[in-house]
C-alpha atoms as a PDB file:
ATOM      1  CA  UNK A   1       6.695  10.618 -13.466  1.00  0.00           C
ATOM      2  CA  UNK A   2       6.669   7.524 -11.681  1.00  0.00           C
ATOM      3  CA  UNK A   3      10.127   8.662  -9.962  1.00  0.00           C
ATOM      4  CA  UNK A   4       8.090  11.552  -8.787  1.00  0.00           C
ATOM      5  CA  UNK A   5       5.513   9.435  -6.800  1.00  0.00           C
ATOM      6  CA  UNK A   6       8.405   7.135  -5.473  1.00  0.00           C
ATOM      7  CA  UNK A   7       9.995  10.146  -4.033  1.00  0.00           C
ATOM      8  CA  UNK A   8       7.051  11.088  -2.456  1.00  0.00           C
ATOM      9  CA  UNK A   9       6.135   7.927  -1.185  1.00  0.00           C
ATOM     10  CA  UNK A  10       9.467   7.609   0.394  1.00  0.00           C
ATOM     11  CA  UNK A  11       9.409  10.954   2.018  1.00  0.00           C
ATOM     12  CA  UNK A  12       5.815  10.217   3.568  1.00  0.00           C
ATOM     13  CA  UNK A  13       6.509   6.877   4.526  1.00  0.00           C
ATOM     14  CA  UNK A  14       9.858   8.158   6.381  1.00  0.00           C
ATOM     15  CA  UNK A  15       7.729  11.152   7.956  1.00  0.00           C
ATOM     16  CA  UNK A  16       5.383   8.434   9.123  1.00  0.00           C
ATOM     17  CA  UNK A  17       8.269   5.916  10.617  1.00  0.00           C
ATOM     18  CA  UNK A  18       9.625   8.745  12.283  1.00  0.00           C
ATOM     19  CA  UNK A  19       6.542   9.912  14.011  1.00  0.00           C
ATOM     20  CA  UNK A  20       5.571   6.372  15.206  1.00  0.00           C
ATOM     21  CA  UNK A  21       9.062   5.420  16.510  1.00  0.00           C
ATOM     22  CA  UNK A  22       8.746   8.742  18.626  1.00  0.00           C
ATOM     23  CA  UNK A  23       5.299   8.110  19.723  1.00  0.00           C
ATOM     24  CA  UNK A  24       6.179   4.599  20.653  1.00  0.00           C
ATOM     25  CA  UNK A  25       9.143   5.509  22.537  1.00  0.00           C
ATOM     26  CA  UNK A  26       7.327   8.250  24.603  1.00  0.00           C
ATOM     27  CA  UNK A  27       4.399   6.189  25.226  1.00  0.00           C
ATOM     28  CA  UNK A  28       6.595   3.459  26.442  1.00  0.00           C
ATOM     29  CA  UNK A  29       8.850   5.128  28.661  1.00  0.00           C
ATOM     30  CA  UNK A  30       5.836   6.601  30.513  1.00  0.00           C
ATOM     31  CA  UNK A  31       4.125   3.272  30.783  1.00  0.00           C
ATOM     32  CA  UNK A  32       7.293   1.441  31.800  1.00  0.00           C
ATOM     33  CA  UNK A  33       7.663   4.347  34.755  1.00  0.00           C
ATOM     34  CA  UNK A  34       4.079   3.648  35.805  1.00  0.00           C
ATOM     35  CA  UNK A  35       4.263   0.079  35.542  1.00  0.00           C
ATOM     36  CA  UNK A  36       7.339  -0.536  37.709  1.00  0.00           C
ATOM     37  CA  UNK A  37       6.083   1.851  40.213  1.00  0.00           C
ATOM     38  CA  UNK A  38       2.503  -0.142  40.382  1.00  0.00           C
ATOM     39  CA  UNK A  39       4.789  -3.080  40.644  1.00  0.00           C
ATOM     40  CA  UNK A  40       6.737  -1.823  43.179  1.00  0.00           C
ATOM     41  CA  UNK A  41       4.004  -0.883  45.449  1.00  0.00           C
ATOM     42  CA  UNK A  42       2.572  -4.471  44.981  1.00  0.00           C
ATOM     43  CA  UNK A  43       5.779  -5.808  46.294  1.00  0.00           C
ATOM     44  CA  UNK A  44       5.924  -3.542  49.179  1.00  0.00           C
ATOM     45  CA  UNK A  45       2.542  -4.954  50.140  1.00  0.00           C
ATOM     46  CA  UNK A  46       3.496  -8.333  49.861  1.00  0.00           C
ATOM     47  CA  UNK A  47       1.638  -9.213  46.784  1.00  0.00           C
ATOM     48  CA  UNK A  48       2.577 -10.260  43.497  1.00  0.00           C
ATOM     49  CA  UNK A  49       1.918  -8.363  40.094  1.00  0.00           C
ATOM     50  CA  UNK A  50      -1.249 -10.181  38.308  1.00  0.00           C
ATOM     51  CA  UNK A  51      -0.378 -12.439  35.449  1.00  0.00           C
ATOM     52  CA  UNK A  52      -2.752 -10.620  33.288  1.00  0.00           C
ATOM     53  CA  UNK A  53      -0.710  -7.581  33.208  1.00  0.00           C
ATOM     54  CA  UNK A  54       2.459  -9.539  32.378  1.00  0.00           C
ATOM     55  CA  UNK A  55       0.670 -11.566  29.955  1.00  0.00           C
ATOM     56  CA  UNK A  56      -0.943  -8.114  28.193  1.00  0.00           C
ATOM     57  CA  UNK A  57       2.879  -6.383  28.362  1.00  0.00           C
ATOM     58  CA  UNK A  58       4.372  -9.558  26.393  1.00  0.00           C
ATOM     59  CA  UNK A  59       1.211  -9.477  23.896  1.00  0.00           C
ATOM     60  CA  UNK A  60       1.759  -6.020  23.007  1.00  0.00           C
ATOM     61  CA  UNK A  61       5.351  -6.189  22.429  1.00  0.00           C
ATOM     62  CA  UNK A  62       4.666  -9.285  19.966  1.00  0.00           C
ATOM     63  CA  UNK A  63       2.081  -6.953  18.642  1.00  0.00           C
ATOM     64  CA  UNK A  64       4.491  -4.315  17.794  1.00  0.00           C
ATOM     65  CA  UNK A  65       7.296  -6.633  16.498  1.00  0.00           C
ATOM     66  CA  UNK A  66       4.556  -8.074  14.178  1.00  0.00           C
ATOM     67  CA  UNK A  67       3.276  -4.932  12.886  1.00  0.00           C
ATOM     68  CA  UNK A  68       7.074  -3.663  12.272  1.00  0.00           C
ATOM     69  CA  UNK A  69       7.977  -6.593  10.233  1.00  0.00           C
ATOM     70  CA  UNK A  70       4.609  -6.207   8.446  1.00  0.00           C
ATOM     71  CA  UNK A  71       5.414  -2.234   7.670  1.00  0.00           C
ATOM     72  CA  UNK A  72       9.051  -3.400   6.195  1.00  0.00           C
ATOM     73  CA  UNK A  73       7.865  -6.243   3.967  1.00  0.00           C
ATOM     74  CA  UNK A  74       4.608  -4.260   2.838  1.00  0.00           C
ATOM     75  CA  UNK A  75       7.382  -1.321   2.120  1.00  0.00           C
ATOM     76  CA  UNK A  76       9.599  -3.369   0.108  1.00  0.00           C
ATOM     77  CA  UNK A  77       7.100  -5.131  -1.624  1.00  0.00           C
ATOM     78  CA  UNK A  78       5.349  -1.409  -2.704  1.00  0.00           C
ATOM     79  CA  UNK A  79       9.000  -0.007  -3.563  1.00  0.00           C
ATOM     80  CA  UNK A  80       9.729  -3.400  -5.889  1.00  0.00           C
ATOM     81  CA  UNK A  81       6.116  -2.904  -7.619  1.00  0.00           C
ATOM     82  CA  UNK A  82       6.681  -1.753 -11.339  1.00  0.00           C
ATOM     83  CA  UNK A  83       4.195   1.152 -11.670  1.00  0.00           C
END
């Protein structure tokens, strides 16, 4: 009976990971284009992009990496646990 639950866990986890990856790819593509256009407009006007925008982008990237690694570790711990 435990094999059924492990299989269901793997299926649902795979679906969730796939959806998250697709969503992040799509949203990062849109936000990257918008950020480049905004930065290009600022540079044309002779202004520098604000430091807060650069810092926020770095923080978002770091959070994504942290959450991805956390999900991998928790998934491994869950699969290695004895039911």
